[in-house]
Amino acid sequence: MLNPNLDEIELSKDDYERYSRHIILPEVGVKGQKLLKAASVLCIGTGGLGSPLLLYLAAAGIGRIGIVDFDIVDSSNLQRQIIHGISWVGKPKIQSAKSRILEINPACQVDLYETRISSENALEIMAPYDVIVDGTDNFPTRYLTNDACVLLDKPNVYGSILRFEGQATVFNYQGGPNYRDLFPEPPPPGMVPSCAEGGVLGVLCGIIGTIQATETIKIILGATTTLSGRLLLYNAMEMKFRELKLRPNPARPVIEKLIDYEQFCGIPQANTTEMTIPEMTVQELKQLMDKREENFVLLDVRNPNEYEIAKIPNSVLVPLPDIEDGSAIDKVKQLVNGHSLIVHCKLGGRSAKALAILKEAGIEGTNVKGGIAAWSQEIDNTIPQY
């Protein structure tokens, strides 16, 4: 439980009216609302999870909210990132989030950190806050957030989402487990798709984000029961919740300092591997296509539903999962049959992975840098971006 000097915290007449539904709860009361007003929360990310989280923290009366993000609002965000709107497309997410927070709670102090959180700045940014909420979507930042919370002895309210499934828990709270007890080692690069590649049900973000907000509020109020030691799993398609117990692992390495988390998660190694695979730009691909020579095969390794949204002319769909399980190797060999092989996906990651697998099967090829997203941006803007 946080222990501010509540004698210094005053609730105004407006506060009593605004938060009356809180205050009449015996578990909250005047003391609890003062705790919320005195509390400070840092949210890392203003995306799918950060959006509902920030809205409800502001509405609950949190006195100080910090936001870390360096991204801008994109139209593809609006399907799930409900804190942002059309008028903010192309502008910084943290400015959009601050504007919306202050519409809900003008008394809230909103601190903005328009930067990528890193080993160099994490401890300084996180130190002033009572609770840290992880709204990120990549493994290096999750490990960084966890380790910084351990070093600073801060509770870490965690959530993650992908497709129709989400999970949430509280790390590093009252002697409970931390992220490394759940994931001692990161998965190999590329094994877990991002939401941009795998997709995500928009309302799933609201469910997991509001669970994170709930746990944050409970920690501030000093609730005796939280998700610490419990991993909550949610499947939206089946509308089912499950729960797994988490315990601290006595054999886990002691966290003594922040490290290079990109290297820890294997990202430099992945890039090194990809460098051994030839690449071409979308401009170079366009030049080949303009020559109208039929000496190459353009392979699209995205999923069928992505291919339905947008496709490069004359590309052939062979989804990456079919290449990974080996069922499409012979098909690719038949397609190539003496021709050059060029492979693309949405951004370039899955196509690089496909080429690495095909190379082991004796099929050489070239990766399209930036994938169909770059093709849409630089060659043909009539192709939808998604």
Protein backbone atom coordinates (compact mmCIF):
# COMPACT_ATOMS: atom_id res chain seq x y z
CA MET A 1 0.00 0.00 0.00
CA LEU A 2 1.20 3.50 -0.86
CA ASN A 3 1.55 5.83 2.13
CA PRO A 4 1.21 9.51 1.20
CA ASN A 5 0.44 12.11 3.84
CA LEU A 6 -3.32 12.30 3.37
CA ASP A 7 -3.58 15.32 5.68
CA GLU A 8 -2.07 17.32 2.84
CA ILE A 9 -4.62 16.08 0.29
CA GLU A 10 -7.86 18.02 0.05
CA LEU A 11 -10.99 16.95 -1.80
CA SER A 12 -12.92 19.87 -3.25
CA LYS A 13 -16.69 20.19 -3.52
CA ASP A 14 -16.31 19.25 -7.19
CA ASP A 15 -14.28 16.17 -6.19
CA TYR A 16 -17.03 14.97 -3.86
CA GLU A 17 -19.59 15.35 -6.65
CA ARG A 18 -17.42 13.89 -9.38
CA TYR A 19 -16.24 10.87 -7.40
CA SER A 20 -19.35 10.29 -5.29
CA ARG A 21 -19.88 6.78 -6.72
CA HIS A 22 -16.38 5.90 -5.55
CA ILE A 23 -16.62 7.57 -2.18
CA ILE A 24 -19.83 5.77 -1.17
CA LEU A 25 -18.03 2.46 -1.66
CA PRO A 26 -16.77 1.33 1.78
CA GLU A 27 -13.66 -0.09 0.09
CA VAL A 28 -12.81 3.37 -1.27
CA GLY A 29 -14.36 6.13 0.84
CA VAL A 30 -12.85 9.56 1.34
CA LYS A 31 -9.48 8.06 2.26
CA GLY A 32 -9.35 5.96 -0.90
CA GLN A 33 -10.24 8.89 -3.13
CA LYS A 34 -7.49 10.90 -1.50
CA LEU A 35 -5.09 8.04 -2.19
CA LEU A 36 -6.08 8.10 -5.86
CA LYS A 37 -5.62 11.88 -6.00
CA ALA A 38 -2.19 11.57 -4.37
CA ALA A 39 -1.06 8.72 -6.61
CA SER A 40 1.18 8.84 -9.66
CA VAL A 41 1.05 6.29 -12.46
CA LEU A 42 3.35 5.90 -15.46
CA CYS A 43 1.88 4.29 -18.57
CA ILE A 44 4.38 3.04 -21.15
CA GLY A 45 2.57 3.22 -24.47
CA THR A 46 -0.65 4.88 -25.64
CA GLY A 47 -1.78 2.14 -28.01
CA GLY A 48 -4.47 -0.50 -27.69
CA LEU A 49 -3.88 -1.13 -23.98
CA GLY A 50 -2.83 2.37 -22.99
CA SER A 51 -5.94 3.97 -24.49
CA PRO A 52 -8.64 2.48 -22.22
CA LEU A 53 -6.22 2.35 -19.32
CA LEU A 54 -5.49 6.08 -19.45
CA LEU A 55 -9.13 7.00 -19.90
CA TYR A 56 -10.19 5.09 -16.80
CA LEU A 57 -7.25 6.20 -14.68
CA ALA A 58 -8.06 9.81 -15.50
CA ALA A 59 -11.75 9.26 -14.79
CA ALA A 60 -10.91 7.57 -11.48
CA GLY A 61 -9.14 10.70 -10.24
CA ILE A 62 -5.47 9.72 -10.43
CA GLY A 63 -3.61 12.91 -9.58
CA ARG A 64 -0.55 12.47 -11.78
CA ILE A 65 -0.22 10.43 -14.97
CA GLY A 66 2.98 10.02 -16.97
CA ILE A 67 2.94 8.81 -20.57
CA VAL A 68 5.87 7.43 -22.55
CA ASP A 69 5.44 7.15 -26.33
CA PHE A 70 7.23 8.39 -29.43
CA ASP A 71 4.73 7.30 -32.10
CA ILE A 72 2.21 9.32 -34.10
CA VAL A 73 -1.48 8.55 -34.58
CA ASP A 74 -2.20 6.51 -37.68
CA SER A 75 -5.63 5.82 -39.13
CA SER A 76 -5.06 2.08 -38.58
CA ASN A 77 -4.84 2.81 -34.82
CA LEU A 78 -8.41 4.03 -34.57
CA GLN A 79 -9.91 0.52 -34.71
CA ARG A 80 -8.74 -0.10 -31.13
CA GLN A 81 -6.85 2.90 -29.72
CA ILE A 82 -9.93 4.72 -28.50
CA ILE A 83 -8.15 7.61 -26.81
CA HIS A 84 -7.25 9.00 -30.26
CA GLY A 85 -9.50 10.47 -32.94
CA ILE A 86 -9.49 11.44 -36.60
CA SER A 87 -8.36 14.99 -35.89
CA TRP A 88 -5.14 13.63 -34.33
CA VAL A 89 -4.01 11.46 -37.26
CA GLY A 90 -0.40 12.34 -38.09
CA LYS A 91 0.19 13.99 -34.70
CA PRO A 92 2.00 12.67 -31.59
CA LYS A 93 0.05 10.09 -29.62
CA ILE A 94 1.09 11.52 -26.27
CA GLN A 95 -0.34 14.93 -27.20
CA SER A 96 -3.58 13.30 -28.31
CA ALA A 97 -3.74 11.29 -25.07
CA LYS A 98 -3.06 14.36 -22.91
CA SER A 99 -5.79 16.33 -24.64
CA ARG A 100 -8.33 13.58 -24.01
CA ILE A 101 -7.22 13.03 -20.39
CA LEU A 102 -7.66 16.71 -19.58
CA GLU A 103 -11.14 16.67 -21.09
CA ILE A 104 -12.03 13.94 -18.60
CA ASN A 105 -10.08 15.27 -15.63
CA PRO A 106 -8.73 18.83 -15.93
CA ALA A 107 -7.13 18.54 -12.48
CA CYS A 108 -4.85 15.70 -13.51
CA GLN A 109 -1.15 16.47 -13.93
CA VAL A 110 -0.05 14.86 -17.21
CA ASP A 111 3.69 14.35 -17.78
CA LEU A 112 4.80 13.60 -21.33
CA TYR A 113 7.92 11.70 -22.36
CA GLU A 114 8.04 11.75 -26.15
CA THR A 115 10.89 9.31 -26.43
CA ARG A 116 11.67 5.65 -26.79
CA ILE A 117 12.18 4.19 -23.33
CA SER A 118 15.63 2.61 -23.07
CA SER A 119 18.21 1.33 -20.64
CA GLU A 120 19.66 4.84 -20.58
CA ASN A 121 16.51 6.69 -19.51
CA ALA A 122 14.14 4.09 -17.96
CA LEU A 123 15.19 4.46 -14.33
CA GLU A 124 15.07 8.25 -14.44
CA ILE A 125 11.65 8.31 -16.11
CA MET A 126 10.09 5.65 -13.88
CA ALA A 127 11.53 6.72 -10.51
CA PRO A 128 8.96 9.43 -9.62
CA TYR A 129 5.91 7.18 -10.07
CA ASP A 130 4.12 4.87 -7.66
CA VAL A 131 2.87 2.32 -10.20
CA ILE A 132 4.18 1.40 -13.66
CA VAL A 133 1.78 0.05 -16.27
CA ASP A 134 3.17 -1.87 -19.23
CA GLY A 135 1.14 -1.15 -22.34
CA THR A 136 3.87 -2.15 -24.78
CA ASP A 137 3.82 -4.68 -27.60
CA ASN A 138 7.38 -5.96 -27.90
CA PHE A 139 9.64 -8.19 -25.84
CA PRO A 140 12.68 -5.90 -25.40
CA THR A 141 10.54 -3.17 -23.80
CA ARG A 142 8.69 -5.67 -21.61
CA TYR A 143 11.95 -7.04 -20.21
CA LEU A 144 13.30 -3.52 -19.79
CA THR A 145 10.15 -2.40 -17.96
CA ASN A 146 10.26 -5.45 -15.71
CA ASP A 147 13.91 -5.10 -14.78
CA ALA A 148 13.62 -1.38 -14.10
CA CYS A 149 10.61 -2.03 -11.85
CA VAL A 150 12.60 -4.65 -9.95
CA LEU A 151 15.53 -2.29 -9.47
CA LEU A 152 13.21 0.53 -8.35
CA ASP A 153 10.88 -1.76 -6.37
CA LYS A 154 7.82 -0.60 -8.30
CA PRO A 155 4.71 -2.69 -9.05
CA ASN A 156 4.41 -3.51 -12.76
CA VAL A 157 0.86 -3.94 -14.09
CA TYR A 158 1.21 -6.10 -17.18
CA GLY A 159 -1.06 -6.87 -20.11
CA SER A 160 -0.67 -8.26 -23.61
CA ILE A 161 -2.99 -8.95 -26.54
CA LEU A 162 -2.93 -10.76 -29.87
CA ARG A 163 -5.76 -11.79 -32.19
CA PHE A 164 -8.59 -12.89 -29.87
CA GLU A 165 -6.55 -13.58 -26.74
CA GLY A 166 -5.19 -11.46 -23.94
CA GLN A 167 -3.50 -11.84 -20.58
CA ALA A 168 -2.91 -9.69 -17.53
CA THR A 169 -1.16 -9.88 -14.19
CA VAL A 170 0.72 -7.78 -11.64
CA PHE A 171 4.47 -8.22 -11.39
CA ASN A 172 6.94 -7.29 -8.66
CA TYR A 173 4.32 -6.51 -6.02
CA GLN A 174 4.61 -7.42 -2.33
CA GLY A 175 7.22 -10.10 -2.98
CA GLY A 176 5.33 -11.60 -5.90
CA PRO A 177 6.81 -12.87 -9.17
CA ASN A 178 8.13 -10.69 -11.94
CA TYR A 179 8.07 -11.02 -15.73
CA ARG A 180 11.15 -13.25 -15.78
CA ASP A 181 9.32 -15.83 -13.67
CA LEU A 182 6.76 -16.09 -16.47
CA PHE A 183 9.22 -15.80 -19.37
CA PRO A 184 12.80 -16.53 -18.23
CA GLU A 185 14.00 -16.21 -21.82
CA PRO A 186 12.47 -14.35 -24.76
CA PRO A 187 11.08 -16.39 -27.66
CA PRO A 188 13.18 -16.62 -30.84
CA PRO A 189 12.81 -13.50 -33.01
CA GLY A 190 9.83 -13.75 -35.33
CA MET A 191 8.17 -16.64 -33.49
CA VAL A 192 5.45 -14.45 -31.95
CA PRO A 193 3.80 -12.16 -34.51
CA SER A 194 3.04 -8.56 -33.70
CA CYS A 195 -0.51 -7.22 -33.80
CA ALA A 196 0.41 -5.58 -37.13
CA GLU A 197 1.12 -9.04 -38.56
CA GLY A 198 -1.26 -11.25 -36.60
CA GLY A 199 -4.14 -8.82 -36.10
CA VAL A 200 -6.12 -8.06 -32.96
CA LEU A 201 -9.80 -7.76 -32.12
CA GLY A 202 -10.28 -4.10 -31.22
CA VAL A 203 -12.51 -4.60 -28.18
CA LEU A 204 -10.02 -7.08 -26.72
CA CYS A 205 -7.77 -4.08 -25.98
CA GLY A 206 -10.55 -2.52 -23.94
CA ILE A 207 -11.06 -5.65 -21.86
CA ILE A 208 -7.38 -6.18 -21.00
CA GLY A 209 -6.66 -2.44 -20.67
CA THR A 210 -9.49 -1.94 -18.19
CA ILE A 211 -8.31 -4.97 -16.22
CA GLN A 212 -4.93 -3.24 -15.98
CA ALA A 213 -6.65 -0.04 -14.86
CA THR A 214 -8.60 -2.00 -12.24
CA GLU A 215 -5.44 -3.59 -10.83
CA THR A 216 -3.67 -0.23 -10.77
CA ILE A 217 -6.50 1.35 -8.78
CA LYS A 218 -6.59 -1.62 -6.39
CA ILE A 219 -2.85 -1.35 -5.75
CA ILE A 220 -3.23 2.35 -4.94
CA LEU A 221 -6.13 1.60 -2.60
CA GLY A 222 -4.13 -1.12 -0.87
CA ALA A 223 -6.48 -3.96 -1.81
CA THR A 224 -5.49 -7.27 -0.29
CA THR A 225 -6.27 -9.27 -3.43
CA THR A 226 -4.66 -8.45 -6.78
CA LEU A 227 -3.48 -10.43 -9.79
CA SER A 228 -0.03 -10.75 -8.25
CA GLY A 229 0.90 -14.43 -8.52
CA ARG A 230 -1.96 -15.08 -10.91
CA LEU A 231 -1.88 -14.86 -14.71
CA LEU A 232 -5.35 -14.13 -16.06
CA LEU A 233 -5.94 -15.50 -19.57
CA TYR A 234 -8.88 -14.36 -21.68
CA ASN A 235 -10.18 -15.83 -24.94
CA ALA A 236 -12.67 -13.46 -26.56
CA MET A 237 -13.80 -15.95 -29.21
CA GLU A 238 -14.77 -18.51 -26.58
CA MET A 239 -15.66 -15.81 -24.00
CA LYS A 240 -13.71 -17.67 -21.34
CA PHE A 241 -11.32 -16.65 -18.60
CA ARG A 242 -8.67 -18.98 -17.21
CA GLU A 243 -6.11 -18.46 -14.49
CA LEU A 244 -2.60 -19.79 -13.98
CA LYS A 245 -0.62 -19.54 -10.77
CA LEU A 246 2.74 -17.77 -10.88
CA ARG A 247 5.45 -18.15 -8.29
CA PRO A 248 8.87 -16.55 -7.91
CA ASN A 249 11.60 -18.80 -9.23
CA PRO A 250 14.41 -18.99 -6.64
CA ALA A 251 16.85 -19.99 -9.39
CA ARG A 252 16.24 -16.94 -11.58
CA PRO A 253 19.21 -14.62 -12.13
CA VAL A 254 19.43 -11.60 -9.87
CA ILE A 255 18.65 -8.37 -11.72
CA GLU A 256 21.50 -6.00 -10.89
CA LYS A 257 21.44 -3.55 -13.80
CA LEU A 258 19.72 -2.76 -17.06
CA ILE A 259 21.21 -4.40 -20.14
CA ASP A 260 20.96 -4.23 -23.94
CA TYR A 261 17.45 -5.67 -24.34
CA GLU A 262 17.51 -5.68 -28.14
CA GLN A 263 20.53 -7.98 -27.96
CA PHE A 264 18.99 -10.02 -25.12
CA CYS A 265 15.92 -10.68 -27.26
CA GLY A 266 18.05 -11.71 -30.21
CA ILE A 267 17.11 -8.82 -32.46
CA PRO A 268 20.65 -7.93 -33.64
CA GLN A 269 21.26 -11.62 -34.37
CA ALA A 270 18.04 -11.74 -36.34
CA ASN A 271 19.11 -8.73 -38.37
CA THR A 272 22.49 -10.32 -39.02
CA THR A 273 20.76 -13.42 -40.34
CA GLU A 274 18.53 -11.33 -42.55
CA MET A 275 21.57 -9.50 -43.98
CA THR A 276 22.73 -12.77 -45.54
CA ILE A 277 19.51 -12.81 -47.56
CA PRO A 278 19.57 -10.52 -50.62
CA GLU A 279 17.17 -7.60 -50.54
CA MET A 280 15.65 -5.30 -53.11
CA THR A 281 13.66 -2.11 -52.78
CA VAL A 282 10.14 -1.71 -54.08
CA GLN A 283 11.54 0.66 -56.73
CA GLU A 284 13.82 -2.11 -57.98
CA LEU A 285 10.90 -4.53 -58.04
CA LYS A 286 8.85 -2.00 -60.03
CA GLN A 287 11.66 -1.67 -62.58
CA LEU A 288 11.70 -5.44 -63.05
CA MET A 289 7.94 -5.52 -63.49
CA ASP A 290 8.03 -2.64 -65.99
CA LYS A 291 10.44 -4.61 -68.19
CA ARG A 292 7.64 -7.19 -68.56
CA GLU A 293 10.15 -9.99 -68.35
CA GLU A 294 8.82 -13.29 -67.03
CA ASN A 295 12.08 -14.49 -65.50
CA PHE A 296 11.00 -14.16 -61.87
CA VAL A 297 8.29 -15.34 -59.52
CA LEU A 298 6.87 -12.93 -56.93
CA LEU A 299 5.81 -14.85 -53.83
CA ASP A 300 3.49 -13.35 -51.21
CA VAL A 301 3.79 -15.15 -47.84
CA ARG A 302 1.10 -13.24 -45.96
CA ASN A 303 -2.13 -14.81 -44.76
CA PRO A 304 -5.05 -15.28 -47.20
CA ASN A 305 -7.17 -12.58 -45.52
CA GLU A 306 -4.31 -10.09 -45.93
CA TYR A 307 -3.97 -11.04 -49.59
CA GLU A 308 -7.68 -10.32 -49.98
CA ILE A 309 -7.18 -6.78 -48.62
CA ALA A 310 -4.27 -5.84 -50.87
CA LYS A 311 -1.94 -7.53 -53.34
CA ILE A 312 0.89 -6.65 -55.68
CA PRO A 313 -0.05 -7.51 -59.28
CA ASN A 314 0.97 -11.00 -60.48
CA SER A 315 2.05 -12.12 -57.01
CA VAL A 316 1.41 -15.72 -55.95
CA LEU A 317 0.12 -16.43 -52.45
CA VAL A 318 1.95 -19.09 -50.44
CA PRO A 319 1.34 -18.38 -46.71
CA LEU A 320 4.30 -18.55 -44.38
CA PRO A 321 2.73 -21.27 -42.15
CA ASP A 322 2.65 -23.59 -45.18
CA ILE A 323 6.35 -22.93 -45.75
CA GLU A 324 7.15 -23.41 -42.07
CA ASP A 325 5.45 -26.81 -41.87
CA GLY A 326 7.06 -27.89 -45.14
CA SER A 327 3.80 -28.51 -47.00
CA ALA A 328 4.48 -25.77 -49.58
CA ILE A 329 8.16 -26.42 -50.30
CA ASP A 330 7.47 -28.55 -53.37
CA LYS A 331 4.94 -26.00 -54.61
CA VAL A 332 7.55 -23.24 -54.37
CA LYS A 333 10.08 -25.39 -56.22
CA GLN A 334 7.56 -25.93 -59.02
CA LEU A 335 6.78 -22.22 -59.17
CA VAL A 336 10.45 -21.24 -59.33
CA ASN A 337 11.52 -23.87 -61.90
CA GLY A 338 14.55 -21.96 -63.13
CA HIS A 339 13.14 -18.50 -62.47
CA SER A 340 14.40 -15.99 -59.91
CA LEU A 341 12.45 -15.93 -56.66
CA ILE A 342 11.33 -12.67 -55.06
CA VAL A 343 9.39 -12.82 -51.78
CA HIS A 344 7.39 -10.20 -49.93
CA CYS A 345 5.03 -9.87 -46.94
CA LYS A 346 3.56 -6.84 -45.20
CA LEU A 347 6.74 -5.29 -43.82
CA GLY A 348 9.59 -7.64 -44.71
CA GLY A 349 9.97 -9.77 -41.57
CA ARG A 350 7.90 -12.80 -42.52
CA SER A 351 9.32 -12.88 -46.04
CA ALA A 352 12.86 -12.90 -44.62
CA LYS A 353 11.87 -15.80 -42.39
CA ALA A 354 10.34 -17.65 -45.35
CA LEU A 355 13.50 -17.15 -47.39
CA ALA A 356 15.65 -18.49 -44.57
CA ILE A 357 13.54 -21.67 -44.52
CA LEU A 358 13.54 -21.96 -48.31
CA LYS A 359 17.30 -21.47 -48.39
CA GLU A 360 17.71 -24.52 -46.17
CA ALA A 361 15.64 -26.41 -48.75
CA GLY A 362 17.99 -25.29 -51.52
CA ILE A 363 15.82 -22.43 -52.85
CA GLU A 364 17.53 -19.06 -53.05
CA GLY A 365 15.59 -15.81 -53.28
CA THR A 366 15.45 -12.06 -52.68
CA ASN A 367 13.44 -10.23 -50.03
CA VAL A 368 11.40 -7.11 -50.80
CA LYS A 369 12.42 -4.52 -48.26
CA GLY A 370 9.42 -2.95 -46.54
CA GLY A 371 6.97 -5.35 -48.18
CA ILE A 372 3.59 -4.35 -49.55
CA ALA A 373 3.42 -1.45 -47.08
CA ALA A 374 6.39 0.17 -48.84
CA TRP A 375 4.85 -0.69 -52.23
CA SER A 376 1.66 1.15 -51.25
CA GLN A 377 3.54 4.15 -49.87
CA GLU A 378 6.11 4.53 -52.64
CA ILE A 379 4.75 2.87 -55.80
CA ASP A 380 0.95 2.53 -55.84
CA ASN A 381 -1.05 4.43 -53.25
CA THR A 382 -4.31 2.93 -54.51
CA ILE A 383 -3.34 -0.27 -52.69
CA PRO A 384 -4.90 -0.13 -49.21
CA GLN A 385 -2.71 0.05 -46.15
CA TYR A 386 -3.79 -2.02 -43.17
